[in-house]
Amino acid sequence: MAPAAADVIARVGRAQHAPIVPASAGVQMRTSCQPDGRVALDLVTPTRSYPTMRLALRGRHQALNALTAVRLIEQLTRFAVPEAAVAAGLEDVHWPGRLDLVTLAPDRAVLLDSAHNPAGADALAAYLAEFHREKLPVVFAAMRDKDAERMLLALRPHARAFVLTAPALARAAPPADLLAVAQRVAPEIPAETAESPADALARSWRRGPVVCATGSIFLVGELLDLVARGVV
């Protein structure tokens, strides 16, 4: 956590008479990443020892998210959530559109990730570097007020091509504007526009069987709807 953010949290905690509990204090944690991108987590906290948990959500960063959730639950002493229930929650949770690999056919899949800011793009980039070293075609859209340049820079090392599009929303950046950004920050990577997210997927699948779609929650939501309706 950035020092400035930690200072703000500590100040508010003191004002509200709320103790600050560093999630990692007194914790023993061992992780190993599985071939499908999910993490196996062994966790011993100051109060409990948990069975090995296979986190449902993909990405190494989910181990720290899980630790924070576990330590928070442990503070809720009025509810006494059993260890088995904590493990079940982490192993069974489903977060549509967050490192969500949807297989539509034996030779056609889409990795949906709702990263819509530079920090989210960095987390996605780290995942792609580890689990998709072959590079993927990237369907990308962003809202006008988002830092598309910074996100595209993060994705640049992991993209085989960029297909720029827009969900049906007035706030969406025009694909032509995103194309100009992509050509400026990643001139060596093929880039084109598509009139709709469905068209963008179709164009991207011509370049490879697995496509990554990211940059906007609204883009991912529209694609999830198309998947649910069997349109793509």
C-alpha atoms as a PDB file:
ATOM      1  CA  MET A   1       0.000   0.000   0.000  1.00  0.00           C
ATOM      2  CA  ALA A   2       1.271   3.475  -0.822  1.00  0.00           C
ATOM      3  CA  PRO A   3       2.461   5.426   2.272  1.00  0.00           C
ATOM      4  CA  ALA A   4      -0.012   8.246   1.654  1.00  0.00           C
ATOM      5  CA  ALA A   5      -2.939   5.812   1.480  1.00  0.00           C
ATOM      6  CA  ALA A   6      -1.756   4.028   4.646  1.00  0.00           C
ATOM      7  CA  ASP A   7      -1.540   7.364   6.459  1.00  0.00           C
ATOM      8  CA  VAL A   8      -5.108   8.257   5.482  1.00  0.00           C
ATOM      9  CA  ILE A   9      -6.426   4.873   6.619  1.00  0.00           C
ATOM     10  CA  ALA A  10      -4.578   5.143   9.946  1.00  0.00           C
ATOM     11  CA  ARG A  11      -5.920   8.665  10.520  1.00  0.00           C
ATOM     12  CA  VAL A  12      -9.514   7.645   9.814  1.00  0.00           C
ATOM     13  CA  GLY A  13      -9.121   4.559  11.968  1.00  0.00           C
ATOM     14  CA  ARG A  14      -7.985   6.657  14.921  1.00  0.00           C
ATOM     15  CA  ALA A  15     -10.832   9.109  14.404  1.00  0.00           C
ATOM     16  CA  GLN A  16     -13.382   6.285  14.369  1.00  0.00           C
ATOM     17  CA  HIS A  17     -11.706   4.367  17.219  1.00  0.00           C
ATOM     18  CA  ALA A  18     -11.272   1.451  14.852  1.00  0.00           C
ATOM     19  CA  PRO A  19      -8.137  -0.684  15.189  1.00  0.00           C
ATOM     20  CA  ILE A  20      -5.963  -1.198  12.103  1.00  0.00           C
ATOM     21  CA  VAL A  21      -5.149  -4.848  11.442  1.00  0.00           C
ATOM     22  CA  PRO A  22      -2.375  -5.360   8.856  1.00  0.00           C
ATOM     23  CA  ALA A  23      -3.529  -8.371   6.856  1.00  0.00           C
ATOM     24  CA  SER A  24      -0.095  -9.996   6.704  1.00  0.00           C
ATOM     25  CA  ALA A  25       0.847  -9.532  10.385  1.00  0.00           C
ATOM     26  CA  GLY A  26       1.729 -12.870  11.979  1.00  0.00           C
ATOM     27  CA  VAL A  27       0.661 -14.810   8.899  1.00  0.00           C
ATOM     28  CA  GLN A  28       2.325 -17.778   7.244  1.00  0.00           C
ATOM     29  CA  MET A  29       1.243 -18.065   3.613  1.00  0.00           C
ATOM     30  CA  ARG A  30       2.446 -20.354   0.854  1.00  0.00           C
ATOM     31  CA  THR A  31       1.105 -20.205  -2.695  1.00  0.00           C
ATOM     32  CA  SER A  32       1.520 -22.161  -5.887  1.00  0.00           C
ATOM     33  CA  CYS A  33      -0.052 -21.306  -9.210  1.00  0.00           C
ATOM     34  CA  GLN A  34      -1.894 -24.014 -11.136  1.00  0.00           C
ATOM     35  CA  PRO A  35      -1.723 -24.434 -14.946  1.00  0.00           C
ATOM     36  CA  ASP A  36      -5.188 -22.863 -15.320  1.00  0.00           C
ATOM     37  CA  GLY A  37      -4.072 -19.669 -13.575  1.00  0.00           C
ATOM     38  CA  ARG A  38      -5.695 -20.415 -10.231  1.00  0.00           C
ATOM     39  CA  VAL A  39      -3.766 -20.314  -6.957  1.00  0.00           C
ATOM     40  CA  ALA A  40      -3.439 -23.036  -4.338  1.00  0.00           C
ATOM     41  CA  LEU A  41      -3.157 -21.307  -0.975  1.00  0.00           C
ATOM     42  CA  ASP A  42      -1.877 -22.656   2.353  1.00  0.00           C
ATOM     43  CA  LEU A  43      -2.640 -20.169   5.104  1.00  0.00           C
ATOM     44  CA  VAL A  44      -1.954 -19.987   8.830  1.00  0.00           C
ATOM     45  CA  THR A  45      -3.069 -16.818  10.627  1.00  0.00           C
ATOM     46  CA  PRO A  46      -2.519 -15.845  14.271  1.00  0.00           C
ATOM     47  CA  THR A  47      -5.850 -17.457  15.176  1.00  0.00           C
ATOM     48  CA  ARG A  48      -6.460 -20.250  12.647  1.00  0.00           C
ATOM     49  CA  SER A  49      -4.924 -22.825  10.341  1.00  0.00           C
ATOM     50  CA  TYR A  50      -6.835 -23.332   7.093  1.00  0.00           C
ATOM     51  CA  PRO A  51      -6.892 -26.371   4.813  1.00  0.00           C
ATOM     52  CA  THR A  52      -5.189 -25.966   1.451  1.00  0.00           C
ATOM     53  CA  MET A  53      -7.528 -23.850  -0.641  1.00  0.00           C
ATOM     54  CA  ARG A  54      -7.710 -23.714  -4.430  1.00  0.00           C
ATOM     55  CA  LEU A  55      -8.931 -20.205  -5.143  1.00  0.00           C
ATOM     56  CA  ALA A  56     -11.664 -19.971  -7.739  1.00  0.00           C
ATOM     57  CA  LEU A  57     -10.485 -16.633  -9.141  1.00  0.00           C
ATOM     58  CA  ARG A  58      -7.486 -16.579 -11.484  1.00  0.00           C
ATOM     59  CA  GLY A  59      -4.238 -14.678 -10.958  1.00  0.00           C
ATOM     60  CA  ARG A  60      -1.488 -14.626  -8.338  1.00  0.00           C
ATOM     61  CA  HIS A  61      -2.795 -11.329  -6.969  1.00  0.00           C
ATOM     62  CA  GLN A  62      -5.910 -13.148  -5.745  1.00  0.00           C
ATOM     63  CA  ALA A  63      -3.852 -14.709  -2.935  1.00  0.00           C
ATOM     64  CA  LEU A  64      -3.467 -11.282  -1.291  1.00  0.00           C
ATOM     65  CA  ASN A  65      -7.142 -10.515  -1.905  1.00  0.00           C
ATOM     66  CA  ALA A  66      -8.051 -13.820  -0.254  1.00  0.00           C
ATOM     67  CA  LEU A  67      -5.781 -13.075   2.713  1.00  0.00           C
ATOM     68  CA  THR A  68      -7.449  -9.702   3.238  1.00  0.00           C
ATOM     69  CA  ALA A  69     -10.913 -11.289   3.100  1.00  0.00           C
ATOM     70  CA  VAL A  70      -9.919 -14.021   5.550  1.00  0.00           C
ATOM     71  CA  ARG A  71      -8.443 -11.583   8.080  1.00  0.00           C
ATOM     72  CA  LEU A  72     -11.560  -9.422   7.834  1.00  0.00           C
ATOM     73  CA  ILE A  73     -13.795 -12.421   8.523  1.00  0.00           C
ATOM     74  CA  GLU A  74     -11.650 -13.323  11.517  1.00  0.00           C
ATOM     75  CA  GLN A  75     -12.357  -9.893  13.035  1.00  0.00           C
ATOM     76  CA  LEU A  76     -16.109 -10.530  12.891  1.00  0.00           C
ATOM     77  CA  THR A  77     -16.075 -12.463  16.158  1.00  0.00           C
ATOM     78  CA  ARG A  78     -19.849 -12.175  16.614  1.00  0.00           C
ATOM     79  CA  PHE A  79     -20.409 -14.499  13.644  1.00  0.00           C
ATOM     80  CA  ALA A  80     -17.721 -17.178  14.196  1.00  0.00           C
ATOM     81  CA  VAL A  81     -17.490 -18.288  10.561  1.00  0.00           C
ATOM     82  CA  PRO A  82     -16.017 -21.831  10.486  1.00  0.00           C
ATOM     83  CA  GLU A  83     -12.757 -22.507   8.643  1.00  0.00           C
ATOM     84  CA  ALA A  84     -14.547 -24.840   6.233  1.00  0.00           C
ATOM     85  CA  ALA A  85     -17.063 -22.129   5.320  1.00  0.00           C
ATOM     86  CA  VAL A  86     -14.266 -19.621   4.665  1.00  0.00           C
ATOM     87  CA  ALA A  87     -12.504 -22.134   2.423  1.00  0.00           C
ATOM     88  CA  ALA A  88     -15.729 -22.944   0.578  1.00  0.00           C
ATOM     89  CA  GLY A  89     -16.361 -19.268  -0.090  1.00  0.00           C
ATOM     90  CA  LEU A  90     -12.924 -18.759  -1.622  1.00  0.00           C
ATOM     91  CA  GLU A  91     -13.097 -21.943  -3.654  1.00  0.00           C
ATOM     92  CA  ASP A  92     -16.632 -21.516  -4.973  1.00  0.00           C
ATOM     93  CA  VAL A  93     -16.850 -17.774  -5.685  1.00  0.00           C
ATOM     94  CA  HIS A  94     -17.606 -16.728  -9.263  1.00  0.00           C
ATOM     95  CA  TRP A  95     -16.786 -13.261 -10.602  1.00  0.00           C
ATOM     96  CA  PRO A  96     -18.035 -12.976 -14.192  1.00  0.00           C
ATOM     97  CA  GLY A  97     -15.775 -10.864 -16.352  1.00  0.00           C
ATOM     98  CA  ARG A  98     -12.689 -10.875 -14.140  1.00  0.00           C
ATOM     99  CA  LEU A  99     -10.005 -13.109 -15.689  1.00  0.00           C
ATOM    100  CA  ASP A 100     -13.005 -15.101 -16.836  1.00  0.00           C
ATOM    101  CA  LEU A 101     -12.011 -17.624 -19.509  1.00  0.00           C
ATOM    102  CA  VAL A 102     -15.107 -18.580 -21.496  1.00  0.00           C
ATOM    103  CA  THR A 103     -14.736 -21.493 -23.904  1.00  0.00           C
ATOM    104  CA  LEU A 104     -17.315 -21.338 -26.694  1.00  0.00           C
ATOM    105  CA  ALA A 105     -15.974 -24.124 -28.931  1.00  0.00           C
ATOM    106  CA  PRO A 106     -12.943 -26.434 -28.948  1.00  0.00           C
ATOM    107  CA  ASP A 107     -11.060 -23.852 -31.024  1.00  0.00           C
ATOM    108  CA  ARG A 108     -12.645 -20.632 -29.747  1.00  0.00           C
ATOM    109  CA  ALA A 109     -12.423 -18.946 -26.336  1.00  0.00           C
ATOM    110  CA  VAL A 110     -12.412 -15.449 -24.877  1.00  0.00           C
ATOM    111  CA  LEU A 111     -10.674 -14.228 -21.739  1.00  0.00           C
ATOM    112  CA  LEU A 112     -12.930 -11.497 -20.369  1.00  0.00           C
ATOM    113  CA  ASP A 113     -11.343  -9.054 -17.961  1.00  0.00           C
ATOM    114  CA  SER A 114     -13.010  -5.902 -16.722  1.00  0.00           C
ATOM    115  CA  ALA A 115      -9.754  -4.009 -16.129  1.00  0.00           C
ATOM    116  CA  HIS A 116     -10.706  -0.391 -16.788  1.00  0.00           C
ATOM    117  CA  ASN A 117      -7.775   1.529 -15.322  1.00  0.00           C
ATOM    118  CA  PRO A 118      -3.968   1.258 -15.353  1.00  0.00           C
ATOM    119  CA  ALA A 119      -3.791  -0.799 -12.153  1.00  0.00           C
ATOM    120  CA  GLY A 120      -6.258  -3.326 -13.553  1.00  0.00           C
ATOM    121  CA  ALA A 121      -4.381  -3.438 -16.847  1.00  0.00           C
ATOM    122  CA  ASP A 122      -1.136  -4.098 -14.971  1.00  0.00           C
ATOM    123  CA  ALA A 123      -2.713  -7.039 -13.135  1.00  0.00           C
ATOM    124  CA  LEU A 124      -4.049  -8.417 -16.418  1.00  0.00           C
ATOM    125  CA  ALA A 125      -0.655  -7.948 -18.068  1.00  0.00           C
ATOM    126  CA  ALA A 126       1.057  -9.917 -15.294  1.00  0.00           C
ATOM    127  CA  TYR A 127      -1.430 -12.745 -15.788  1.00  0.00           C
ATOM    128  CA  LEU A 128      -0.958 -12.774 -19.560  1.00  0.00           C
ATOM    129  CA  ALA A 129       2.828 -12.798 -19.171  1.00  0.00           C
ATOM    130  CA  GLU A 130       2.620 -15.954 -17.079  1.00  0.00           C
ATOM    131  CA  PHE A 131      -0.198 -17.913 -18.671  1.00  0.00           C
ATOM    132  CA  HIS A 132      -0.451 -16.692 -22.280  1.00  0.00           C
ATOM    133  CA  ARG A 133       3.113 -16.241 -23.412  1.00  0.00           C
ATOM    134  CA  GLU A 134       2.043 -16.867 -26.997  1.00  0.00           C
ATOM    135  CA  LYS A 135       0.387 -13.399 -26.993  1.00  0.00           C
ATOM    136  CA  LEU A 136      -3.299 -12.915 -27.698  1.00  0.00           C
ATOM    137  CA  PRO A 137      -5.424 -10.790 -30.002  1.00  0.00           C
ATOM    138  CA  VAL A 138      -6.890  -8.070 -27.754  1.00  0.00           C
ATOM    139  CA  VAL A 139     -10.364  -6.594 -28.134  1.00  0.00           C
ATOM    140  CA  PHE A 140     -10.198  -3.225 -26.414  1.00  0.00           C
ATOM    141  CA  ALA A 141     -12.685  -0.492 -25.548  1.00  0.00           C
ATOM    142  CA  ALA A 142     -12.600   2.298 -22.993  1.00  0.00           C
ATOM    143  CA  MET A 143     -14.690   5.138 -21.687  1.00  0.00           C
ATOM    144  CA  ARG A 144     -13.721   8.673 -22.713  1.00  0.00           C
ATOM    145  CA  ASP A 145     -12.545   9.578 -19.187  1.00  0.00           C
ATOM    146  CA  LYS A 146     -10.209   6.575 -18.807  1.00  0.00           C
ATOM    147  CA  ASP A 147      -6.448   6.410 -19.412  1.00  0.00           C
ATOM    148  CA  ALA A 148      -6.553   4.283 -22.561  1.00  0.00           C
ATOM    149  CA  GLU A 149      -2.945   5.105 -23.403  1.00  0.00           C
ATOM    150  CA  ARG A 150      -1.609   3.761 -20.126  1.00  0.00           C
ATOM    151  CA  MET A 151      -3.753   0.619 -20.385  1.00  0.00           C
ATOM    152  CA  LEU A 152      -2.654  -0.097 -23.952  1.00  0.00           C
ATOM    153  CA  LEU A 153       0.980   0.391 -22.946  1.00  0.00           C
ATOM    154  CA  ALA A 154       0.557  -2.235 -20.221  1.00  0.00           C
ATOM    155  CA  LEU A 155      -1.016  -4.681 -22.672  1.00  0.00           C
ATOM    156  CA  ARG A 156       1.414  -3.966 -25.506  1.00  0.00           C
ATOM    157  CA  PRO A 157       3.977  -6.709 -24.665  1.00  0.00           C
ATOM    158  CA  HIS A 158       1.239  -9.350 -24.579  1.00  0.00           C
ATOM    159  CA  ALA A 159      -0.870  -8.412 -27.613  1.00  0.00           C
ATOM    160  CA  ARG A 160      -0.706 -10.100 -31.002  1.00  0.00           C
ATOM    161  CA  ALA A 161      -3.087  -7.474 -32.388  1.00  0.00           C
ATOM    162  CA  PHE A 162      -5.483  -4.801 -31.139  1.00  0.00           C
ATOM    163  CA  VAL A 163      -9.088  -4.621 -32.322  1.00  0.00           C
ATOM    164  CA  LEU A 164     -10.609  -1.370 -31.059  1.00  0.00           C
ATOM    165  CA  THR A 165     -14.347  -1.147 -30.576  1.00  0.00           C
ATOM    166  CA  ALA A 166     -17.013   0.451 -28.357  1.00  0.00           C
ATOM    167  CA  PRO A 167     -20.005  -0.804 -26.356  1.00  0.00           C
ATOM    168  CA  ALA A 168     -23.364   0.807 -27.019  1.00  0.00           C
ATOM    169  CA  LEU A 169     -22.845   3.700 -24.626  1.00  0.00           C
ATOM    170  CA  ALA A 170     -22.473   7.436 -25.164  1.00  0.00           C
ATOM    171  CA  ARG A 171     -19.520   7.593 -22.755  1.00  0.00           C
ATOM    172  CA  ALA A 172     -17.499   5.161 -24.858  1.00  0.00           C
ATOM    173  CA  ALA A 173     -14.429   6.466 -26.642  1.00  0.00           C
ATOM    174  CA  PRO A 174     -14.791   6.250 -30.445  1.00  0.00           C
ATOM    175  CA  PRO A 175     -12.881   3.270 -31.883  1.00  0.00           C
ATOM    176  CA  ALA A 176     -11.074   5.599 -34.303  1.00  0.00           C
ATOM    177  CA  ASP A 177      -9.694   7.588 -31.361  1.00  0.00           C
ATOM    178  CA  LEU A 178      -8.525   4.407 -29.637  1.00  0.00           C
ATOM    179  CA  LEU A 179      -6.945   3.243 -32.883  1.00  0.00           C
ATOM    180  CA  ALA A 180      -4.906   6.431 -33.030  1.00  0.00           C
ATOM    181  CA  VAL A 181      -3.704   5.835 -29.480  1.00  0.00           C
ATOM    182  CA  ALA A 182      -2.824   2.194 -30.191  1.00  0.00           C
ATOM    183  CA  GLN A 183      -0.876   3.128 -33.320  1.00  0.00           C
ATOM    184  CA  ARG A 184       1.030   5.765 -31.370  1.00  0.00           C
ATOM    185  CA  VAL A 185       2.005   3.638 -28.344  1.00  0.00           C
ATOM    186  CA  ALA A 186       2.393   0.288 -30.131  1.00  0.00           C
ATOM    187  CA  PRO A 187       3.163   0.985 -33.810  1.00  0.00           C
ATOM    188  CA  GLU A 188       4.615  -2.474 -34.324  1.00  0.00           C
ATOM    189  CA  ILE A 189       1.363  -4.262 -33.406  1.00  0.00           C
ATOM    190  CA  PRO A 190      -1.396  -4.660 -36.024  1.00  0.00           C
ATOM    191  CA  ALA A 191      -4.466  -2.642 -35.070  1.00  0.00           C
ATOM    192  CA  GLU A 192      -7.914  -2.149 -36.577  1.00  0.00           C
ATOM    193  CA  THR A 193     -11.379  -0.995 -35.576  1.00  0.00           C
ATOM    194  CA  ALA A 194     -14.641  -2.904 -35.392  1.00  0.00           C
ATOM    195  CA  GLU A 195     -18.167  -1.489 -35.398  1.00  0.00           C
ATOM    196  CA  SER A 196     -19.342  -3.581 -32.479  1.00  0.00           C
ATOM    197  CA  PRO A 197     -17.945  -5.879 -29.762  1.00  0.00           C
ATOM    198  CA  ALA A 198     -19.382  -8.905 -31.592  1.00  0.00           C
ATOM    199  CA  ASP A 199     -17.629  -7.863 -34.798  1.00  0.00           C
ATOM    200  CA  ALA A 200     -14.424  -7.256 -32.816  1.00  0.00           C
ATOM    201  CA  LEU A 201     -14.512 -10.808 -31.467  1.00  0.00           C
ATOM    202  CA  ALA A 202     -15.087 -12.255 -34.920  1.00  0.00           C
ATOM    203  CA  ARG A 203     -12.154 -10.282 -36.342  1.00  0.00           C
ATOM    204  CA  SER A 204      -9.908 -11.281 -33.429  1.00  0.00           C
ATOM    205  CA  TRP A 205     -10.668 -14.997 -33.719  1.00  0.00           C
ATOM    206  CA  ARG A 206      -9.234 -14.890 -37.226  1.00  0.00           C
ATOM    207  CA  ARG A 207      -5.890 -14.145 -35.568  1.00  0.00           C
ATOM    208  CA  GLY A 208      -6.011 -16.815 -32.879  1.00  0.00           C
ATOM    209  CA  PRO A 209      -8.288 -19.245 -31.019  1.00  0.00           C
ATOM    210  CA  VAL A 210      -8.102 -17.398 -27.669  1.00  0.00           C
ATOM    211  CA  VAL A 211      -8.946 -13.691 -27.511  1.00  0.00           C
ATOM    212  CA  CYS A 212      -8.612 -11.266 -24.594  1.00  0.00           C
ATOM    213  CA  ALA A 213     -11.356  -8.624 -24.239  1.00  0.00           C
ATOM    214  CA  THR A 214     -10.716  -5.795 -21.801  1.00  0.00           C
ATOM    215  CA  GLY A 215     -10.547  -2.050 -21.106  1.00  0.00           C
ATOM    216  CA  SER A 216     -14.122  -1.450 -19.993  1.00  0.00           C
ATOM    217  CA  ILE A 217     -16.654  -3.005 -17.647  1.00  0.00           C
ATOM    218  CA  PHE A 218     -19.314  -2.052 -20.169  1.00  0.00           C
ATOM    219  CA  LEU A 219     -17.506  -3.896 -22.977  1.00  0.00           C
ATOM    220  CA  VAL A 220     -17.221  -7.016 -20.842  1.00  0.00           C
ATOM    221  CA  GLY A 221     -20.853  -6.749 -19.769  1.00  0.00           C
ATOM    222  CA  GLU A 222     -22.005  -6.511 -23.378  1.00  0.00           C
ATOM    223  CA  LEU A 223     -19.888  -9.518 -24.350  1.00  0.00           C
ATOM    224  CA  LEU A 224     -21.179 -11.546 -21.401  1.00  0.00           C
ATOM    225  CA  ASP A 225     -24.711 -10.816 -22.598  1.00  0.00           C
ATOM    226  CA  LEU A 226     -23.831 -11.931 -26.129  1.00  0.00           C
ATOM    227  CA  VAL A 227     -22.309 -15.136 -24.768  1.00  0.00           C
ATOM    228  CA  ALA A 228     -25.389 -15.819 -22.616  1.00  0.00           C
ATOM    229  CA  ARG A 229     -27.654 -15.366 -25.627  1.00  0.00           C
ATOM    230  CA  GLY A 230     -25.467 -17.518 -27.844  1.00  0.00           C
ATOM    231  CA  VAL A 231     -24.850 -14.659 -30.289  1.00  0.00           C
ATOM    232  CA  VAL A 232     -21.077 -15.163 -30.413  1.00  0.00           C
END
